[in-house]
Amino acid sequence: MAVARFDHDLVVLGAGAAGLFAATEAAGLGRRVLLIEKMKKPGIKILASGGSRCNVTSTLPIRELGRWFGRQGERFLRYALHECGPDQVRELLADEGVATAEHPLEKVFPVSGRAGDVLRAFLHRLDRAGVELAVDEGILAIEALEGGGFRIRSTRRQIEAARVVVTVGGRSYPKAGTTGDGYAWLERLGHRIVSPRPALVPLVIEEAWLRSLTGIAVEDVVVEAVDDRGRPTFTRRRPLLFTHRGLSGPGPMDVSGRLLPGPDGRRRLRLDWLPEIDATELDARFKAAAARRQPIQQLLPASFPRRLAAAFLSAAGIPAERSSSELRREERQNLVTALKRMLLVVTADEGWDKAEVTAGGVDLDEIDPTTMESRRLPGLFVAGELLDLDGPIGGFNFQAAFATGTVAGRAAARSGD
């Protein structure tokens, strides 16, 4: 593949989840690989993930896992997930002495509960494959050379390589070095960038009653992103947490990147607080409770904290001191609606500093999903969060990074043979 004028067969930019896998795979196929990371240490996001426990992948089968990336994302990831799926990730960790265990909500963590064990395993693989790792070295520009190959200008030097894999991540969690650098490089090389936006991020909602519930968690809520006509565009059934600014927890954060503004500029969220019971049955239960003259508070689930129950009555416009037998039909229906179809307007999110991943990125139509090679510029490969791919909480995004990085590294190593 390489000719004498190149310093390296392959340069991988960014030593996060995708970059570590891409570099390891390419070097394992006998290529001279340089992996460059602008931070002082590789894998910072890996160390920070899951509260430093590292939710490394998902227990879901490949087909179901891919579905949570949306229709286009599922098609794009199909090949990559078969090349490197959750089972393969767990097996390679086991080979490095890192046992993993399944947890609720389809999550997988190292048994030790230490993200550092996961990163050490990946770095051991990298070292064993013979990858040259350079840290504390920022990239300034990438230039395509006439006749093939690339020139990379860094804060320390100028490098020429036959192939380049770009895995510098998106804009989420900038403390890890993911500050969106790759978008400008790839635009200059001819790629279209779908506007990046924060995803897996807490939501800001201007509702006084909601903010009074800071710290309360509800374990089972259906959270939907809806359009201006109330049609659902993305749905998750997950826990929810009230914050001093709005809503957080897996459910709201999972839909955050799919909340797109309607014609009026508003983003809308719909909540079903009692997914185990439909609205008709709930209304019938309220009627029966009223006939028994039960207190209104007893109409609400026993699992609801007292403050939450009072807030629902307030949201439905029902005084807490009222007897259930005094409920008018309209009030009862308002309560059912508040519990089953509560509509909230999202005024903002908490931004890049709080976002776990980036929605948007390099247009998937411009990348070959079987190689991760650019359709616009041969020899250029893109993997990981830099792509227009984002999945929910639960190891999905790490798994996509591992899979796309694996494919990119193998294909880049074989390219030109």
Protein backbone atom coordinates (compact mmCIF):
# COMPACT_ATOMS: atom_id res chain seq x y z
CA MET A 1 0.00 0.00 0.00
CA ALA A 2 2.60 2.56 1.09
CA VAL A 3 5.42 3.97 -0.99
CA ALA A 4 8.77 5.27 0.25
CA ARG A 5 7.79 8.94 0.29
CA PHE A 6 5.28 8.40 3.12
CA ASP A 7 6.27 8.61 6.77
CA HIS A 8 3.48 6.17 7.71
CA ASP A 9 1.14 3.81 5.96
CA LEU A 10 -1.69 5.14 8.09
CA VAL A 11 -2.26 8.00 10.52
CA VAL A 12 -5.24 7.83 12.88
CA LEU A 13 -6.34 11.14 14.38
CA GLY A 14 -7.97 10.89 17.80
CA ALA A 15 -7.30 8.22 20.45
CA GLY A 16 -10.84 7.72 21.68
CA ALA A 17 -12.93 4.58 21.34
CA ALA A 18 -13.02 4.57 17.52
CA GLY A 19 -9.40 5.62 17.08
CA LEU A 20 -8.01 2.98 19.44
CA PHE A 21 -9.85 0.23 17.57
CA ALA A 22 -8.97 1.59 14.10
CA ALA A 23 -5.27 1.87 14.88
CA THR A 24 -5.11 -1.57 16.51
CA GLU A 25 -6.85 -3.29 13.61
CA ALA A 26 -4.66 -1.63 10.96
CA ALA A 27 -1.42 -2.36 12.78
CA GLY A 28 -2.55 -5.94 13.31
CA LEU A 29 -2.61 -6.28 9.53
CA GLY A 30 1.04 -5.25 9.32
CA ARG A 31 0.76 -1.53 8.60
CA ARG A 32 2.94 1.24 10.06
CA VAL A 33 0.40 3.15 12.11
CA LEU A 34 0.70 6.45 13.96
CA LEU A 35 -2.12 7.36 16.36
CA ILE A 36 -2.19 11.05 17.36
CA GLU A 37 -4.14 12.44 20.33
CA LYS A 38 -4.26 16.16 21.21
CA MET A 39 -4.88 15.53 24.92
CA LYS A 40 -2.14 14.45 27.33
CA LYS A 41 -3.75 11.03 27.73
CA PRO A 42 -5.75 8.80 25.38
CA GLY A 43 -9.30 7.61 26.03
CA ILE A 44 -10.49 10.37 28.36
CA LYS A 45 -14.15 9.82 27.46
CA ILE A 46 -13.78 6.12 28.20
CA LEU A 47 -12.48 6.96 31.68
CA ALA A 48 -15.34 9.40 32.34
CA SER A 49 -18.20 7.30 30.99
CA GLY A 50 -20.82 5.71 33.21
CA GLY A 51 -19.67 7.66 36.25
CA SER A 52 -16.14 6.25 35.71
CA ARG A 53 -17.59 2.71 35.54
CA CYS A 54 -17.74 2.60 31.70
CA ASN A 55 -20.97 1.30 30.21
CA VAL A 56 -18.95 -0.34 27.47
CA THR A 57 -21.68 -1.90 25.30
CA SER A 58 -25.25 -3.22 25.26
CA THR A 59 -26.83 -6.62 25.81
CA LEU A 60 -29.18 -6.11 22.87
CA PRO A 61 -28.83 -8.29 19.75
CA ILE A 62 -27.28 -6.51 16.79
CA ARG A 63 -30.49 -5.98 14.85
CA GLU A 64 -32.32 -4.41 17.78
CA LEU A 65 -29.30 -2.37 18.82
CA GLY A 66 -28.98 -0.87 15.34
CA ARG A 67 -32.65 0.12 15.27
CA TRP A 68 -32.07 2.74 17.97
CA PHE A 69 -29.85 4.76 15.63
CA GLY A 70 -32.81 5.54 13.37
CA ARG A 71 -33.58 4.13 9.94
CA GLN A 72 -30.56 5.59 8.17
CA GLY A 73 -28.24 4.87 11.08
CA GLU A 74 -29.42 1.26 11.28
CA ARG A 75 -28.70 0.70 7.59
CA PHE A 76 -25.32 2.38 7.86
CA LEU A 77 -24.22 0.35 10.91
CA ARG A 78 -25.48 -3.03 9.75
CA TYR A 79 -22.18 -4.23 8.29
CA ALA A 80 -19.99 -2.69 10.99
CA LEU A 81 -21.98 -4.23 13.85
CA HIS A 82 -21.59 -7.67 12.29
CA GLU A 83 -17.84 -7.09 12.05
CA CYS A 84 -17.60 -5.89 15.66
CA GLY A 85 -20.71 -6.34 17.80
CA PRO A 86 -21.27 -6.44 21.55
CA ASP A 87 -20.16 -10.08 21.81
CA GLN A 88 -16.84 -9.33 20.12
CA VAL A 89 -16.18 -6.36 22.41
CA ARG A 90 -16.86 -8.44 25.51
CA GLU A 91 -14.69 -11.27 24.18
CA LEU A 92 -11.69 -9.06 23.47
CA LEU A 93 -12.02 -7.53 26.95
CA ALA A 94 -12.16 -11.03 28.43
CA ASP A 95 -9.01 -11.93 26.49
CA GLU A 96 -7.34 -8.99 28.23
CA GLY A 97 -8.52 -10.18 31.64
CA VAL A 98 -11.43 -7.75 31.98
CA ALA A 99 -14.64 -9.59 32.81
CA THR A 100 -17.94 -7.86 32.04
CA ALA A 101 -21.40 -8.21 33.54
CA GLU A 102 -24.93 -7.39 32.40
CA HIS A 103 -26.89 -4.73 34.26
CA PRO A 104 -30.48 -3.41 34.11
CA LEU A 105 -31.57 -1.41 31.05
CA GLU A 106 -29.50 -3.65 28.75
CA LYS A 107 -26.18 -2.23 29.96
CA VAL A 108 -22.77 -3.93 30.19
CA PHE A 109 -20.08 -2.82 32.66
CA PRO A 110 -16.72 -4.25 33.69
CA VAL A 111 -17.18 -6.46 36.74
CA SER A 112 -14.58 -4.36 38.54
CA GLY A 113 -16.66 -1.22 38.04
CA ARG A 114 -13.51 0.59 36.85
CA ALA A 115 -13.36 2.34 33.49
CA GLY A 116 -9.58 2.36 33.85
CA ASP A 117 -9.54 -1.42 33.42
CA VAL A 118 -11.31 -1.09 30.08
CA LEU A 119 -8.92 1.58 28.83
CA ARG A 120 -5.86 -0.39 29.97
CA ALA A 121 -7.15 -3.38 28.01
CA PHE A 122 -7.53 -1.29 24.85
CA LEU A 123 -4.09 0.27 25.30
CA HIS A 124 -2.49 -3.13 25.83
CA ARG A 125 -3.98 -4.30 22.52
CA LEU A 126 -2.71 -1.13 20.87
CA ASP A 127 0.82 -1.62 22.19
CA ARG A 128 0.87 -5.31 21.30
CA ALA A 129 -0.14 -4.47 17.71
CA GLY A 130 2.84 -2.11 17.44
CA VAL A 131 1.00 1.20 17.09
CA GLU A 132 3.05 4.35 17.62
CA LEU A 133 1.05 6.60 19.98
CA ALA A 134 1.69 10.35 20.17
CA VAL A 135 -0.15 12.42 22.80
CA ASP A 136 -0.35 16.15 23.58
CA GLU A 137 -0.17 16.87 19.84
CA GLY A 138 -2.92 18.92 18.23
CA ILE A 139 -3.81 18.70 14.56
CA LEU A 140 -3.93 21.94 12.61
CA ALA A 141 -4.87 20.79 9.10
CA ILE A 142 -5.17 17.85 6.71
CA GLU A 143 -4.26 18.30 3.06
CA ALA A 144 -4.82 15.85 0.20
CA LEU A 145 -1.70 15.42 -1.93
CA GLU A 146 -1.59 15.22 -5.69
CA GLY A 147 -1.21 11.63 -6.76
CA GLY A 148 -2.63 10.30 -3.47
CA GLY A 149 -1.79 10.47 0.17
CA PHE A 150 -2.13 13.19 2.78
CA ARG A 151 -0.10 15.83 4.53
CA ILE A 152 -0.99 16.42 8.20
CA ARG A 153 0.20 19.53 10.01
CA SER A 154 0.28 19.26 13.79
CA THR A 155 1.44 21.50 16.60
CA ARG A 156 4.76 19.65 16.52
CA ARG A 157 5.49 18.56 12.97
CA GLN A 158 4.40 17.80 9.43
CA ILE A 159 3.58 14.20 8.51
CA GLU A 160 2.79 12.51 5.22
CA ALA A 161 0.78 9.30 5.10
CA ALA A 162 -0.80 7.09 2.50
CA ARG A 163 -4.10 6.92 4.37
CA VAL A 164 -5.82 8.87 7.16
CA VAL A 165 -8.55 7.78 9.57
CA VAL A 166 -10.27 10.69 11.32
CA THR A 167 -11.77 9.75 14.70
CA VAL A 168 -11.57 13.00 16.68
CA GLY A 169 -15.17 12.86 17.92
CA GLY A 170 -17.86 15.52 17.89
CA ARG A 171 -18.42 18.45 20.25
CA SER A 172 -19.87 16.81 23.33
CA TYR A 173 -17.95 16.86 26.61
CA PRO A 174 -15.23 19.27 25.37
CA LYS A 175 -13.12 18.60 28.49
CA ALA A 176 -12.17 15.36 26.76
CA GLY A 177 -10.77 17.29 23.81
CA THR A 178 -13.83 16.81 21.59
CA THR A 179 -14.25 20.40 20.44
CA GLY A 180 -15.48 19.82 16.89
CA ASP A 181 -12.09 20.23 15.20
CA GLY A 182 -12.77 17.55 12.60
CA TYR A 183 -15.76 19.26 11.01
CA ALA A 184 -13.70 22.08 9.49
CA TRP A 185 -11.01 19.70 8.22
CA LEU A 186 -13.55 17.47 6.50
CA GLU A 187 -15.52 20.38 5.06
CA ARG A 188 -12.34 21.65 3.44
CA LEU A 189 -11.82 18.17 2.00
CA GLY A 190 -15.26 18.33 0.36
CA HIS A 191 -17.59 16.74 2.93
CA ARG A 192 -21.03 17.97 3.96
CA ILE A 193 -21.58 18.34 7.71
CA VAL A 194 -25.07 17.88 9.15
CA SER A 195 -25.34 20.66 11.75
CA PRO A 196 -24.05 19.27 15.07
CA ARG A 197 -26.28 19.59 18.13
CA PRO A 198 -26.04 18.30 21.71
CA ALA A 199 -27.55 14.87 22.37
CA LEU A 200 -27.93 12.78 25.52
CA VAL A 201 -28.19 16.10 27.33
CA PRO A 202 -30.45 17.34 30.18
CA LEU A 203 -33.42 19.48 29.10
CA VAL A 204 -34.43 22.95 30.24
CA ILE A 205 -38.19 23.38 30.79
CA GLU A 206 -39.80 26.57 32.09
CA GLU A 207 -42.47 25.07 34.37
CA ALA A 208 -42.49 26.22 37.99
CA TRP A 209 -44.30 23.13 39.31
CA LEU A 210 -41.77 20.88 37.59
CA ARG A 211 -38.77 22.71 39.02
CA SER A 212 -40.21 22.34 42.51
CA LEU A 213 -39.56 18.60 42.22
CA THR A 214 -35.75 18.76 41.95
CA GLY A 215 -34.12 15.46 42.93
CA ILE A 216 -37.19 13.24 42.50
CA ALA A 217 -36.73 10.23 40.19
CA VAL A 218 -39.45 8.19 38.48
CA GLU A 219 -38.30 4.77 37.33
CA ASP A 220 -40.70 3.96 34.48
CA VAL A 221 -41.85 6.74 32.15
CA VAL A 222 -42.54 6.80 28.40
CA VAL A 223 -40.84 9.89 26.96
CA GLU A 224 -41.66 10.97 23.41
CA ALA A 225 -40.28 13.64 21.13
CA VAL A 226 -43.31 14.96 19.22
CA ASP A 227 -43.77 17.31 16.28
CA ASP A 228 -46.01 20.38 16.25
CA ARG A 229 -49.03 18.17 15.45
CA GLY A 230 -48.40 15.90 18.41
CA ARG A 231 -47.07 13.01 16.33
CA PRO A 232 -44.27 11.04 18.02
CA THR A 233 -40.90 11.12 16.26
CA PHE A 234 -38.87 9.15 18.83
CA THR A 235 -39.94 7.22 21.94
CA ARG A 236 -38.08 5.76 24.91
CA ARG A 237 -39.35 4.06 28.07
CA ARG A 238 -36.78 4.81 30.72
CA PRO A 239 -36.25 6.45 34.14
CA LEU A 240 -36.58 10.22 34.55
CA LEU A 241 -35.05 12.71 36.97
CA PHE A 242 -36.34 16.18 37.89
CA THR A 243 -33.62 18.85 38.04
CA HIS A 244 -33.51 22.50 39.08
CA ARG A 245 -33.63 23.39 35.36
CA GLY A 246 -36.00 20.77 33.99
CA LEU A 247 -35.59 17.06 33.25
CA SER A 248 -32.69 14.64 33.07
CA GLY A 249 -32.19 10.88 33.40
CA PRO A 250 -32.08 8.26 30.63
CA GLY A 251 -35.54 8.94 29.17
CA PRO A 252 -35.32 12.70 28.57
CA MET A 253 -31.64 12.51 27.62
CA ASP A 254 -32.28 9.74 25.10
CA VAL A 255 -34.82 11.85 23.20
CA SER A 256 -32.93 15.14 23.58
CA GLY A 257 -31.08 14.87 20.26
CA ARG A 258 -34.32 14.06 18.42
CA LEU A 259 -36.23 17.11 19.66
CA LEU A 260 -36.46 19.21 16.52
CA PRO A 261 -38.23 22.59 16.48
CA GLY A 262 -41.59 22.88 14.73
CA PRO A 263 -42.64 25.78 12.45
CA ASP A 264 -43.17 27.90 15.56
CA GLY A 265 -39.62 27.20 16.73
CA ARG A 266 -40.76 25.14 19.71
CA ARG A 267 -39.49 21.69 20.71
CA ARG A 268 -42.09 19.45 22.35
CA LEU A 269 -41.96 16.52 24.73
CA ARG A 270 -44.80 14.19 25.74
CA LEU A 271 -44.78 12.02 28.86
CA ASP A 272 -46.74 8.97 29.91
CA TRP A 273 -46.20 8.52 33.64
CA LEU A 274 -48.20 5.26 33.86
CA PRO A 275 -47.21 3.14 30.83
CA GLU A 276 -48.64 -0.06 32.33
CA ILE A 277 -52.25 1.17 32.08
CA ASP A 278 -54.13 2.79 29.20
CA ALA A 279 -56.13 6.01 29.52
CA THR A 280 -59.55 4.34 29.39
CA GLU A 281 -58.76 1.96 32.25
CA LEU A 282 -57.20 4.77 34.27
CA ASP A 283 -60.35 6.87 33.89
CA ALA A 284 -62.47 3.91 35.00
CA ARG A 285 -60.31 3.47 38.09
CA PHE A 286 -60.75 7.13 38.97
CA LYS A 287 -64.53 6.79 38.63
CA ALA A 288 -64.52 3.78 40.94
CA ALA A 289 -62.35 5.61 43.47
CA ALA A 290 -64.72 8.56 43.43
CA ALA A 291 -67.65 6.25 44.12
CA ARG A 292 -65.80 4.98 47.19
CA ARG A 293 -65.12 8.61 48.23
CA GLN A 294 -61.36 8.00 48.43
CA PRO A 295 -59.09 11.05 49.02
CA ILE A 296 -57.79 12.52 45.76
CA GLN A 297 -54.19 11.78 46.71
CA GLN A 298 -55.10 8.07 46.75
CA LEU A 299 -56.12 8.26 43.12
CA LEU A 300 -52.44 8.51 42.22
CA PRO A 301 -49.93 5.62 42.32
CA ALA A 302 -48.47 4.80 45.73
CA SER A 303 -45.03 4.86 44.09
CA PHE A 304 -45.33 8.59 43.45
CA PRO A 305 -43.65 10.70 46.15
CA ARG A 306 -46.04 13.04 47.97
CA ARG A 307 -44.58 16.15 46.28
CA LEU A 308 -44.98 14.56 42.85
CA ALA A 309 -48.60 13.57 43.48
CA ALA A 310 -49.42 17.12 44.61
CA ALA A 311 -47.73 18.52 41.49
CA PHE A 312 -49.87 16.36 39.20
CA LEU A 313 -53.05 17.56 40.85
CA SER A 314 -51.84 21.12 40.43
CA ALA A 315 -50.98 20.54 36.77
CA ALA A 316 -54.50 19.18 36.24
CA GLY A 317 -56.01 22.21 38.00
CA ILE A 318 -57.42 20.18 40.91
CA PRO A 319 -57.18 21.51 44.51
CA ALA A 320 -55.50 18.89 46.69
CA GLU A 321 -58.10 19.34 49.45
CA ARG A 322 -60.95 18.26 47.18
CA SER A 323 -62.61 14.89 47.67
CA SER A 324 -62.47 12.47 44.75
CA SER A 325 -66.27 12.29 44.82
CA GLU A 326 -66.33 16.01 44.03
CA LEU A 327 -64.30 15.64 40.83
CA ARG A 328 -66.12 16.91 37.79
CA ARG A 329 -65.82 14.92 34.57
CA GLU A 330 -63.61 17.61 33.04
CA GLU A 331 -61.26 17.58 36.04
CA ARG A 332 -61.01 13.80 35.97
CA GLN A 333 -60.15 13.87 32.28
CA ASN A 334 -57.55 16.60 32.90
CA LEU A 335 -55.91 14.34 35.47
CA VAL A 336 -55.90 11.41 33.05
CA THR A 337 -54.33 13.64 30.39
CA ALA A 338 -51.68 14.91 32.83
CA LEU A 339 -50.73 11.33 33.69
CA LYS A 340 -50.94 9.80 30.21
CA ARG A 341 -50.26 12.58 27.68
CA MET A 342 -48.50 15.45 29.46
CA LEU A 343 -47.15 17.88 26.86
CA LEU A 344 -44.16 20.07 27.77
CA VAL A 345 -42.31 22.71 25.77
CA VAL A 346 -38.53 22.37 25.91
CA THR A 347 -37.00 25.83 25.92
CA ALA A 348 -33.36 24.74 25.72
CA ASP A 349 -30.88 22.03 26.67
CA GLU A 350 -27.87 22.25 28.96
CA GLY A 351 -25.41 22.44 26.07
CA TRP A 352 -22.18 20.83 25.01
CA ASP A 353 -20.61 20.71 28.47
CA LYS A 354 -23.40 18.41 29.70
CA ALA A 355 -23.99 16.49 26.45
CA GLU A 356 -22.73 12.91 26.34
CA VAL A 357 -22.73 12.64 22.53
CA THR A 358 -23.18 14.74 19.40
CA ALA A 359 -26.10 14.48 16.99
CA GLY A 360 -25.25 15.49 13.43
CA GLY A 361 -21.84 15.25 11.83
CA VAL A 362 -20.42 13.90 8.58
CA ASP A 363 -23.23 13.06 6.16
CA LEU A 364 -23.58 9.26 6.08
CA ASP A 365 -24.37 9.28 2.35
CA GLU A 366 -20.79 10.38 1.74
CA ILE A 367 -19.20 7.45 3.61
CA ASP A 368 -19.05 3.82 2.45
CA PRO A 369 -20.55 1.79 5.35
CA THR A 370 -18.53 -1.33 4.45
CA THR A 371 -15.17 0.47 4.70
CA MET A 372 -15.83 3.88 6.35
CA GLU A 373 -13.94 5.39 3.40
CA SER A 374 -14.97 8.73 2.01
CA ARG A 375 -16.91 8.53 -1.24
CA ARG A 376 -15.47 11.95 -2.09
CA LEU A 377 -11.78 11.42 -1.36
CA PRO A 378 -10.13 7.97 -1.60
CA GLY A 379 -7.79 7.18 1.25
CA LEU A 380 -9.74 9.26 3.77
CA PHE A 381 -11.68 7.28 6.39
CA VAL A 382 -14.05 8.56 9.08
CA ALA A 383 -15.33 6.70 12.15
CA GLY A 384 -16.92 7.22 15.54
CA GLU A 385 -18.87 10.20 16.85
CA LEU A 386 -17.70 12.44 14.02
CA LEU A 387 -20.27 10.65 11.83
CA ASP A 388 -23.94 11.67 11.77
CA LEU A 389 -24.78 8.81 14.16
CA ASP A 390 -26.10 8.94 17.71
CA GLY A 391 -27.85 6.35 19.83
CA PRO A 392 -29.45 6.35 23.29
CA ILE A 393 -27.81 5.85 26.67
CA GLY A 394 -26.69 2.29 27.37
CA GLY A 395 -23.39 1.60 25.59
CA PHE A 396 -24.87 2.25 22.12
CA ASN A 397 -22.49 5.04 21.16
CA PHE A 398 -19.36 3.28 22.37
CA GLN A 399 -20.45 0.21 20.43
CA ALA A 400 -20.95 2.26 17.25
CA ALA A 401 -17.48 3.76 17.75
CA PHE A 402 -15.86 0.34 18.26
CA ALA A 403 -17.64 -1.07 15.20
CA THR A 404 -16.96 1.81 12.80
CA GLY A 405 -13.38 2.11 14.05
CA THR A 406 -12.79 -1.61 13.47
CA VAL A 407 -14.09 -1.44 9.90
CA ALA A 408 -12.15 1.73 9.13
CA GLY A 409 -8.88 0.31 10.44
CA ARG A 410 -9.19 -2.93 8.52
CA ALA A 411 -10.25 -1.26 5.29
CA ALA A 412 -7.57 1.41 5.50
CA ALA A 413 -4.93 -1.26 6.04
CA ARG A 414 -6.11 -3.23 3.01
CA SER A 415 -6.73 -0.23 0.76
CA GLY A 416 -4.40 -0.05 -2.19
CA ASP A 417 -3.31 -3.70 -1.98
